[in-house]
C-alpha cells in the first residue's frame, strides 16, 4: 500500500464519508457491488489489464512526484497514473491509461497518453469519451477516492 507524505497509508477508493461525491454514494454494499462487478468484468474481458506490460514498471520509494512524462505516483496529491497495454481479445493492440485518486477531493488532472485519439473512460457509468490531442488530456476531473480507466 502506498503511503502519503505523513507516513499514513493512502485511503482506498470508495470508503464512505471521505468525500462528498462517489465515496458516499458507494457506502452501502448494494451500491458498491455493481462497481466490483464492472471492475471484475473489465479485468476478465481485457487481457492487457493482466499482462506484464505496464509503465512505469517500477517506482522507487523515494520518488514522490510523477515522472517527467506524467506517469507514476504523486504522493502529495495522492494520485497514481500508469499505462497498460497488450493483445486485445480479438487481436491487435489495446491500451489503457489508469488514473487513481486516493484523496478525499475530486481532482482535475493533466493525463498523459501514448497517442492521440478518442479514448473512453470505461470505468465511468455511463462510459465517457475524451478527445486526446498532443498526447495529453488537460484538466480531466477524477472523482475523489475513485479513478478512471481509459481505453483506446
N, C-alpha and C. Protein backbone atom coordinates (compact mmCIF):
# COMPACT_ATOMS: atom_id res chain seq x y z
N UNK A 1 0.85 -1.18 0.00
CA UNK A 1 0.00 0.00 0.00
C UNK A 1 0.89 1.24 0.00
N UNK A 2 0.53 2.20 -0.80
CA UNK A 2 1.30 3.45 -0.86
C UNK A 2 1.06 4.25 0.40
N UNK A 3 2.07 5.02 0.80
CA UNK A 3 1.94 5.88 1.96
C UNK A 3 2.06 7.33 1.55
N UNK A 4 1.29 8.16 2.21
CA UNK A 4 1.32 9.60 1.95
C UNK A 4 2.51 10.26 2.61
N UNK A 5 2.61 11.57 2.42
CA UNK A 5 3.74 12.33 2.97
C UNK A 5 3.81 12.21 4.49
N UNK A 6 2.67 12.00 5.13
CA UNK A 6 2.64 11.89 6.59
C UNK A 6 3.09 10.51 7.07
N UNK A 7 3.26 9.56 6.13
CA UNK A 7 3.62 8.20 6.50
C UNK A 7 2.42 7.31 6.73
N UNK A 8 1.21 7.91 6.73
CA UNK A 8 0.00 7.11 6.88
C UNK A 8 -0.39 6.51 5.54
N UNK A 9 -1.01 5.33 5.52
CA UNK A 9 -1.44 4.74 4.25
C UNK A 9 -2.46 5.64 3.56
N UNK A 10 -2.39 5.66 2.22
CA UNK A 10 -3.40 6.39 1.46
C UNK A 10 -4.71 5.62 1.54
N UNK A 11 -5.81 6.35 1.50
CA UNK A 11 -7.12 5.71 1.61
C UNK A 11 -7.42 4.86 0.38
N UNK A 12 -8.23 3.85 0.59
CA UNK A 12 -8.68 3.02 -0.51
C UNK A 12 -9.89 3.67 -1.15
N UNK A 13 -10.10 3.46 -2.49
CA UNK A 13 -11.24 4.07 -3.16
C UNK A 13 -12.57 3.62 -2.55
N UNK A 14 -13.51 4.52 -2.50
CA UNK A 14 -14.88 4.18 -2.14
C UNK A 14 -15.16 4.05 -0.66
N UNK A 15 -14.31 4.52 0.21
CA UNK A 15 -14.60 4.44 1.64
C UNK A 15 -15.59 5.54 2.00
N UNK A 16 -16.65 5.16 2.67
CA UNK A 16 -17.72 6.10 2.99
C UNK A 16 -17.23 7.25 3.86
N UNK A 17 -17.79 8.42 3.64
CA UNK A 17 -17.52 9.55 4.48
C UNK A 17 -16.24 10.29 4.15
N UNK A 18 -15.47 9.86 3.17
CA UNK A 18 -14.21 10.51 2.84
C UNK A 18 -14.39 11.68 1.89
N UNK A 19 -15.48 11.71 1.15
CA UNK A 19 -15.71 12.81 0.22
C UNK A 19 -17.21 12.92 -0.07
N UNK A 20 -17.57 13.99 -0.73
CA UNK A 20 -18.99 14.25 -0.93
C UNK A 20 -19.55 13.67 -2.21
N UNK A 21 -18.72 13.06 -3.05
CA UNK A 21 -19.28 12.55 -4.30
C UNK A 21 -19.39 11.03 -4.23
N UNK A 22 -18.58 10.33 -5.00
CA UNK A 22 -18.76 8.89 -5.16
C UNK A 22 -18.60 8.13 -3.85
N UNK A 23 -17.67 8.52 -2.99
CA UNK A 23 -17.43 7.79 -1.77
C UNK A 23 -18.67 7.59 -0.93
N UNK A 24 -19.52 8.61 -0.81
CA UNK A 24 -20.74 8.47 -0.04
C UNK A 24 -21.78 7.66 -0.78
N UNK A 25 -21.80 7.77 -2.11
CA UNK A 25 -22.80 7.02 -2.87
C UNK A 25 -22.52 5.53 -2.87
N UNK A 26 -21.28 5.14 -2.63
CA UNK A 26 -20.94 3.71 -2.66
C UNK A 26 -20.74 3.14 -1.26
N UNK A 27 -21.30 3.79 -0.25
CA UNK A 27 -21.06 3.34 1.11
C UNK A 27 -21.89 2.12 1.49
N UNK A 28 -22.93 1.81 0.75
CA UNK A 28 -23.76 0.65 1.05
C UNK A 28 -23.40 -0.50 0.13
N UNK A 29 -23.37 -1.74 0.64
CA UNK A 29 -22.97 -2.89 -0.17
C UNK A 29 -23.77 -3.02 -1.48
N UNK A 30 -25.05 -2.74 -1.44
CA UNK A 30 -25.85 -2.88 -2.66
C UNK A 30 -25.46 -1.86 -3.72
N UNK A 31 -24.76 -0.80 -3.33
CA UNK A 31 -24.31 0.20 -4.31
C UNK A 31 -22.88 -0.07 -4.79
N UNK A 32 -22.05 -0.64 -3.94
CA UNK A 32 -20.67 -0.87 -4.34
C UNK A 32 -20.52 -2.18 -5.12
N UNK A 33 -21.42 -3.11 -4.92
CA UNK A 33 -21.34 -4.40 -5.61
C UNK A 33 -21.32 -4.24 -7.13
N UNK A 34 -22.17 -3.40 -7.73
CA UNK A 34 -22.09 -3.22 -9.19
C UNK A 34 -20.73 -2.67 -9.65
N UNK A 35 -20.09 -1.84 -8.83
CA UNK A 35 -18.75 -1.35 -9.17
C UNK A 35 -17.77 -2.52 -9.20
N UNK A 36 -17.81 -3.36 -8.19
CA UNK A 36 -16.93 -4.53 -8.17
C UNK A 36 -17.19 -5.41 -9.38
N UNK A 37 -18.45 -5.58 -9.75
CA UNK A 37 -18.78 -6.38 -10.93
C UNK A 37 -18.16 -5.78 -12.19
N UNK A 38 -18.24 -4.45 -12.34
CA UNK A 38 -17.65 -3.77 -13.51
C UNK A 38 -16.14 -3.95 -13.53
N UNK A 39 -15.50 -3.80 -12.36
CA UNK A 39 -14.05 -3.96 -12.30
C UNK A 39 -13.63 -5.38 -12.66
N UNK A 40 -14.34 -6.36 -12.15
CA UNK A 40 -14.03 -7.76 -12.46
C UNK A 40 -14.24 -8.03 -13.94
N UNK A 41 -15.34 -7.54 -14.50
CA UNK A 41 -15.63 -7.74 -15.93
C UNK A 41 -14.55 -7.09 -16.80
N UNK A 42 -14.11 -5.90 -16.41
CA UNK A 42 -13.04 -5.23 -17.17
C UNK A 42 -11.77 -6.08 -17.17
N UNK A 43 -11.39 -6.54 -16.02
CA UNK A 43 -10.15 -7.32 -15.91
C UNK A 43 -10.26 -8.63 -16.68
N UNK A 44 -11.39 -9.31 -16.57
CA UNK A 44 -11.57 -10.58 -17.28
C UNK A 44 -11.70 -10.38 -18.79
N UNK A 45 -12.30 -9.28 -19.21
CA UNK A 45 -12.54 -9.04 -20.63
C UNK A 45 -11.38 -8.44 -21.39
N UNK A 46 -10.35 -8.01 -20.68
CA UNK A 46 -9.23 -7.34 -21.33
C UNK A 46 -7.91 -7.93 -20.83
N UNK A 47 -7.33 -8.85 -21.60
CA UNK A 47 -6.07 -9.49 -21.18
C UNK A 47 -4.95 -8.50 -20.90
N UNK A 48 -4.96 -7.34 -21.55
CA UNK A 48 -3.87 -6.39 -21.32
C UNK A 48 -3.88 -5.83 -19.89
N UNK A 49 -5.03 -5.89 -19.21
CA UNK A 49 -5.08 -5.47 -17.80
C UNK A 49 -4.45 -6.51 -16.88
N UNK A 50 -4.14 -7.67 -17.45
CA UNK A 50 -3.48 -8.74 -16.68
C UNK A 50 -2.07 -9.01 -17.20
N UNK A 51 -1.64 -8.27 -18.20
CA UNK A 51 -0.34 -8.52 -18.83
C UNK A 51 0.80 -7.95 -17.98
N UNK A 52 2.02 -8.28 -18.38
CA UNK A 52 3.21 -7.74 -17.73
C UNK A 52 3.59 -6.38 -18.30
N UNK A 53 2.85 -5.90 -19.28
CA UNK A 53 3.17 -4.64 -19.96
C UNK A 53 2.57 -3.48 -19.17
N UNK A 54 3.42 -2.82 -18.39
CA UNK A 54 2.97 -1.69 -17.57
C UNK A 54 4.08 -0.64 -17.51
N UNK A 55 3.67 0.62 -17.56
CA UNK A 55 4.63 1.72 -17.41
C UNK A 55 4.06 2.73 -16.43
N UNK A 56 4.83 3.12 -15.42
CA UNK A 56 6.17 2.64 -15.11
C UNK A 56 6.13 1.25 -14.48
N UNK A 57 7.12 0.44 -14.84
CA UNK A 57 7.17 -0.94 -14.35
C UNK A 57 7.66 -1.00 -12.91
N UNK A 58 8.44 -0.02 -12.50
CA UNK A 58 8.95 0.04 -11.12
C UNK A 58 8.90 1.49 -10.68
N UNK A 59 8.78 1.68 -9.38
CA UNK A 59 8.70 3.04 -8.86
C UNK A 59 9.51 3.12 -7.58
N UNK A 60 10.62 3.87 -7.61
CA UNK A 60 11.44 3.98 -6.39
C UNK A 60 10.66 4.65 -5.26
N UNK A 61 10.81 4.14 -4.07
CA UNK A 61 10.08 4.69 -2.92
C UNK A 61 10.40 6.15 -2.65
N UNK A 62 11.61 6.59 -2.97
CA UNK A 62 12.00 7.98 -2.71
C UNK A 62 11.30 8.95 -3.66
N UNK A 63 10.84 8.45 -4.81
CA UNK A 63 10.23 9.35 -5.79
C UNK A 63 8.78 9.62 -5.41
N UNK A 64 8.46 10.88 -5.08
CA UNK A 64 7.12 11.20 -4.59
C UNK A 64 6.32 12.10 -5.52
N UNK A 65 6.79 12.25 -6.76
CA UNK A 65 6.04 13.02 -7.76
C UNK A 65 6.01 12.24 -9.07
N UNK A 66 5.08 12.60 -9.93
CA UNK A 66 5.00 11.96 -11.24
C UNK A 66 6.31 12.19 -11.99
N UNK A 67 6.68 11.25 -12.86
CA UNK A 67 7.91 11.42 -13.62
C UNK A 67 7.71 12.49 -14.71
N UNK A 68 8.76 12.89 -15.42
CA UNK A 68 8.63 13.96 -16.42
C UNK A 68 7.60 13.66 -17.52
N UNK A 69 7.31 12.39 -17.76
CA UNK A 69 6.31 12.03 -18.75
C UNK A 69 4.88 12.09 -18.19
N UNK A 70 4.75 12.30 -16.88
CA UNK A 70 3.43 12.43 -16.26
C UNK A 70 2.89 11.15 -15.63
N UNK A 71 3.70 10.11 -15.56
CA UNK A 71 3.26 8.82 -15.00
C UNK A 71 3.88 8.59 -13.63
N UNK A 72 3.30 7.65 -12.88
CA UNK A 72 3.84 7.25 -11.59
C UNK A 72 2.92 7.64 -10.45
N UNK A 73 3.52 8.05 -9.34
CA UNK A 73 2.79 8.37 -8.12
C UNK A 73 3.11 9.80 -7.70
N UNK A 74 2.07 10.55 -7.38
CA UNK A 74 2.23 11.87 -6.79
C UNK A 74 1.70 11.77 -5.36
N UNK A 75 2.62 11.63 -4.41
CA UNK A 75 2.24 11.41 -3.02
C UNK A 75 1.46 12.59 -2.46
N UNK A 76 1.89 13.81 -2.76
CA UNK A 76 1.21 14.99 -2.23
C UNK A 76 -0.23 15.10 -2.68
N UNK A 77 -0.49 14.78 -3.93
CA UNK A 77 -1.86 14.85 -4.46
C UNK A 77 -2.61 13.53 -4.30
N UNK A 78 -1.93 12.49 -3.87
CA UNK A 78 -2.48 11.15 -3.69
C UNK A 78 -3.05 10.61 -5.01
N UNK A 79 -2.23 10.70 -6.06
CA UNK A 79 -2.60 10.24 -7.39
C UNK A 79 -1.63 9.17 -7.87
N UNK A 80 -2.13 8.27 -8.69
CA UNK A 80 -1.29 7.32 -9.41
C UNK A 80 -1.78 7.28 -10.85
N UNK A 81 -0.84 7.31 -11.80
CA UNK A 81 -1.17 7.25 -13.22
C UNK A 81 -0.23 6.23 -13.86
N UNK A 82 -0.81 5.24 -14.55
CA UNK A 82 0.04 4.29 -15.25
C UNK A 82 -0.61 3.84 -16.55
N UNK A 83 0.21 3.25 -17.41
CA UNK A 83 -0.18 2.80 -18.74
C UNK A 83 -0.05 1.29 -18.80
N UNK A 84 -1.09 0.62 -19.30
CA UNK A 84 -1.04 -0.83 -19.52
C UNK A 84 -1.38 -1.09 -20.97
N UNK A 85 -0.80 -2.12 -21.54
CA UNK A 85 -1.10 -2.46 -22.92
C UNK A 85 -0.86 -3.94 -23.14
N UNK A 86 -1.40 -4.44 -24.25
CA UNK A 86 -1.24 -5.84 -24.60
C UNK A 86 -2.18 -6.21 -25.72
N UNK A 87 -2.29 -7.50 -25.95
CA UNK A 87 -3.13 -8.01 -27.03
C UNK A 87 -4.60 -7.82 -26.68
N UNK A 88 -5.36 -7.33 -27.67
CA UNK A 88 -6.81 -7.17 -27.50
C UNK A 88 -7.46 -8.55 -27.65
N UNK A 89 -8.66 -8.74 -27.10
CA UNK A 89 -9.33 -10.04 -27.19
C UNK A 89 -9.45 -10.56 -28.63
N UNK A 90 -9.70 -9.69 -29.61
CA UNK A 90 -9.85 -10.13 -30.99
C UNK A 90 -8.59 -9.99 -31.81
N UNK A 91 -7.47 -9.76 -31.17
CA UNK A 91 -6.22 -9.50 -31.86
C UNK A 91 -5.95 -8.01 -31.89
N UNK A 92 -4.80 -7.63 -32.31
CA UNK A 92 -4.43 -6.22 -32.31
C UNK A 92 -3.94 -5.79 -30.95
N UNK A 93 -3.77 -4.48 -30.81
CA UNK A 93 -3.24 -3.90 -29.59
C UNK A 93 -4.31 -3.10 -28.88
N UNK A 94 -4.41 -3.27 -27.57
CA UNK A 94 -5.27 -2.39 -26.78
C UNK A 94 -4.42 -1.73 -25.73
N UNK A 95 -4.79 -0.48 -25.42
CA UNK A 95 -4.03 0.33 -24.47
C UNK A 95 -4.97 0.88 -23.42
N UNK A 96 -4.46 0.96 -22.21
CA UNK A 96 -5.21 1.54 -21.10
C UNK A 96 -4.35 2.58 -20.40
N UNK A 97 -4.97 3.66 -19.98
CA UNK A 97 -4.37 4.61 -19.07
C UNK A 97 -5.24 4.56 -17.81
N UNK A 98 -4.62 4.29 -16.68
CA UNK A 98 -5.33 4.18 -15.41
C UNK A 98 -4.92 5.34 -14.52
N UNK A 99 -5.92 6.05 -14.00
CA UNK A 99 -5.68 7.19 -13.11
C UNK A 99 -6.45 6.91 -11.82
N UNK A 100 -5.75 6.91 -10.70
CA UNK A 100 -6.37 6.64 -9.40
C UNK A 100 -6.20 7.84 -8.50
N UNK A 101 -7.30 8.26 -7.89
CA UNK A 101 -7.31 9.39 -6.96
C UNK A 101 -7.64 8.85 -5.57
N UNK A 102 -6.63 8.77 -4.72
CA UNK A 102 -6.82 8.27 -3.36
C UNK A 102 -7.17 9.37 -2.37
N UNK A 103 -7.32 10.59 -2.85
CA UNK A 103 -7.59 11.72 -1.95
C UNK A 103 -9.08 11.86 -1.68
N UNK A 104 -9.39 12.68 -0.71
CA UNK A 104 -10.78 12.94 -0.33
C UNK A 104 -11.42 14.06 -1.14
N UNK A 105 -10.76 14.54 -2.18
CA UNK A 105 -11.32 15.60 -3.02
C UNK A 105 -11.23 15.19 -4.49
N UNK A 106 -12.24 15.62 -5.26
CA UNK A 106 -12.13 15.48 -6.70
C UNK A 106 -10.90 16.26 -7.14
N UNK A 107 -10.23 15.77 -8.18
CA UNK A 107 -9.06 16.47 -8.68
C UNK A 107 -9.16 16.62 -10.20
N UNK A 108 -8.64 17.74 -10.68
CA UNK A 108 -8.57 18.00 -12.12
C UNK A 108 -7.12 17.74 -12.51
N UNK A 109 -6.95 16.74 -13.37
CA UNK A 109 -5.63 16.18 -13.62
C UNK A 109 -5.26 16.30 -15.10
N UNK A 110 -3.99 16.63 -15.37
CA UNK A 110 -3.44 16.56 -16.72
C UNK A 110 -2.92 15.13 -16.89
N UNK A 111 -3.49 14.42 -17.84
CA UNK A 111 -3.21 12.99 -18.00
C UNK A 111 -2.43 12.76 -19.29
N UNK A 112 -1.28 12.05 -19.21
CA UNK A 112 -0.52 11.73 -20.41
C UNK A 112 -1.09 10.50 -21.11
N UNK A 113 -0.98 10.47 -22.42
CA UNK A 113 -1.42 9.33 -23.23
C UNK A 113 -0.33 8.98 -24.23
N UNK A 114 -0.24 7.72 -24.63
CA UNK A 114 0.80 7.33 -25.58
C UNK A 114 0.51 7.80 -27.01
N UNK A 115 -0.75 8.13 -27.30
CA UNK A 115 -1.09 8.60 -28.64
C UNK A 115 -2.41 9.39 -28.58
N UNK A 116 -2.63 10.17 -29.62
CA UNK A 116 -3.86 10.95 -29.73
C UNK A 116 -5.00 10.05 -30.16
N UNK A 117 -6.22 10.53 -29.95
CA UNK A 117 -7.40 9.79 -30.40
C UNK A 117 -8.55 9.94 -29.42
N UNK A 118 -9.59 9.19 -29.69
CA UNK A 118 -10.77 9.16 -28.82
C UNK A 118 -10.60 8.03 -27.82
N UNK A 119 -10.34 8.38 -26.59
CA UNK A 119 -10.16 7.43 -25.51
C UNK A 119 -11.44 7.41 -24.68
N UNK A 120 -11.84 6.24 -24.20
CA UNK A 120 -13.07 6.09 -23.44
C UNK A 120 -12.76 5.67 -22.01
N UNK A 121 -13.31 6.41 -21.06
CA UNK A 121 -13.22 6.02 -19.65
C UNK A 121 -14.26 4.94 -19.43
N UNK A 122 -13.81 3.68 -19.44
CA UNK A 122 -14.72 2.55 -19.34
C UNK A 122 -15.14 2.27 -17.90
N UNK A 123 -14.53 2.94 -16.94
CA UNK A 123 -14.96 2.79 -15.55
C UNK A 123 -16.13 3.71 -15.23
N UNK A 124 -16.23 4.82 -15.94
CA UNK A 124 -17.33 5.76 -15.72
C UNK A 124 -18.65 5.09 -16.09
N UNK A 125 -19.70 5.48 -15.40
CA UNK A 125 -21.04 4.95 -15.71
C UNK A 125 -21.98 6.12 -15.95
N UNK A 126 -22.38 6.34 -17.19
CA UNK A 126 -22.01 5.62 -18.41
C UNK A 126 -20.60 6.00 -18.84
N UNK A 127 -19.98 5.17 -19.71
CA UNK A 127 -18.63 5.48 -20.19
C UNK A 127 -18.58 6.87 -20.82
N UNK A 128 -17.44 7.54 -20.64
CA UNK A 128 -17.23 8.89 -21.19
C UNK A 128 -16.07 8.87 -22.15
N UNK A 129 -16.24 9.55 -23.28
CA UNK A 129 -15.18 9.63 -24.28
C UNK A 129 -14.49 10.97 -24.19
N UNK A 130 -13.17 10.94 -24.31
CA UNK A 130 -12.35 12.15 -24.27
C UNK A 130 -11.49 12.18 -25.52
N UNK A 131 -11.37 13.35 -26.12
CA UNK A 131 -10.51 13.52 -27.28
C UNK A 131 -9.13 13.96 -26.81
N UNK A 132 -8.13 13.13 -27.05
CA UNK A 132 -6.76 13.41 -26.63
C UNK A 132 -6.02 14.05 -27.80
N UNK A 133 -5.35 15.16 -27.50
CA UNK A 133 -4.60 15.89 -28.52
C UNK A 133 -3.22 16.22 -27.96
N UNK A 134 -2.19 16.05 -28.76
CA UNK A 134 -0.83 16.32 -28.29
C UNK A 134 -0.40 15.36 -27.20
N UNK A 135 -1.01 14.18 -27.16
CA UNK A 135 -0.71 13.12 -26.17
C UNK A 135 -1.03 13.52 -24.73
N UNK A 136 -1.91 14.52 -24.54
CA UNK A 136 -2.33 14.93 -23.20
C UNK A 136 -3.83 15.20 -23.18
N UNK A 137 -4.43 14.90 -22.06
CA UNK A 137 -5.80 15.30 -21.76
C UNK A 137 -5.68 16.23 -20.57
N UNK A 138 -5.99 17.49 -20.78
CA UNK A 138 -5.77 18.52 -19.75
C UNK A 138 -7.03 18.75 -18.91
N UNK A 139 -6.83 18.84 -17.60
CA UNK A 139 -7.90 19.23 -16.70
C UNK A 139 -9.05 18.25 -16.59
N UNK A 140 -8.79 16.94 -16.66
CA UNK A 140 -9.85 15.93 -16.55
C UNK A 140 -10.20 15.72 -15.08
N UNK A 141 -11.49 15.71 -14.78
CA UNK A 141 -11.95 15.51 -13.40
C UNK A 141 -11.87 14.03 -13.03
N UNK A 142 -11.14 13.75 -11.95
CA UNK A 142 -11.04 12.40 -11.41
C UNK A 142 -11.71 12.44 -10.04
N UNK A 143 -12.83 11.72 -9.87
CA UNK A 143 -13.57 11.78 -8.61
C UNK A 143 -12.73 11.34 -7.41
N UNK A 144 -13.06 11.88 -6.25
CA UNK A 144 -12.38 11.52 -5.02
C UNK A 144 -12.52 10.02 -4.74
N UNK A 145 -11.46 9.45 -4.20
CA UNK A 145 -11.46 8.02 -3.83
C UNK A 145 -11.98 7.13 -4.96
N UNK A 146 -11.56 7.44 -6.16
CA UNK A 146 -12.04 6.70 -7.33
C UNK A 146 -10.98 6.80 -8.41
N UNK A 147 -11.35 6.56 -9.63
CA UNK A 147 -10.40 6.62 -10.71
C UNK A 147 -11.04 6.61 -12.07
N UNK A 148 -10.18 6.54 -13.07
CA UNK A 148 -10.60 6.47 -14.47
C UNK A 148 -9.76 5.37 -15.13
N UNK A 149 -10.39 4.65 -16.03
CA UNK A 149 -9.69 3.63 -16.81
C UNK A 149 -10.00 3.92 -18.27
N UNK A 150 -9.03 4.55 -18.95
CA UNK A 150 -9.21 4.94 -20.34
C UNK A 150 -8.76 3.82 -21.26
N UNK A 151 -9.55 3.55 -22.28
CA UNK A 151 -9.26 2.50 -23.27
C UNK A 151 -9.27 3.12 -24.66
N UNK A 152 -8.26 2.73 -25.45
CA UNK A 152 -8.24 3.11 -26.86
C UNK A 152 -8.39 1.84 -27.67
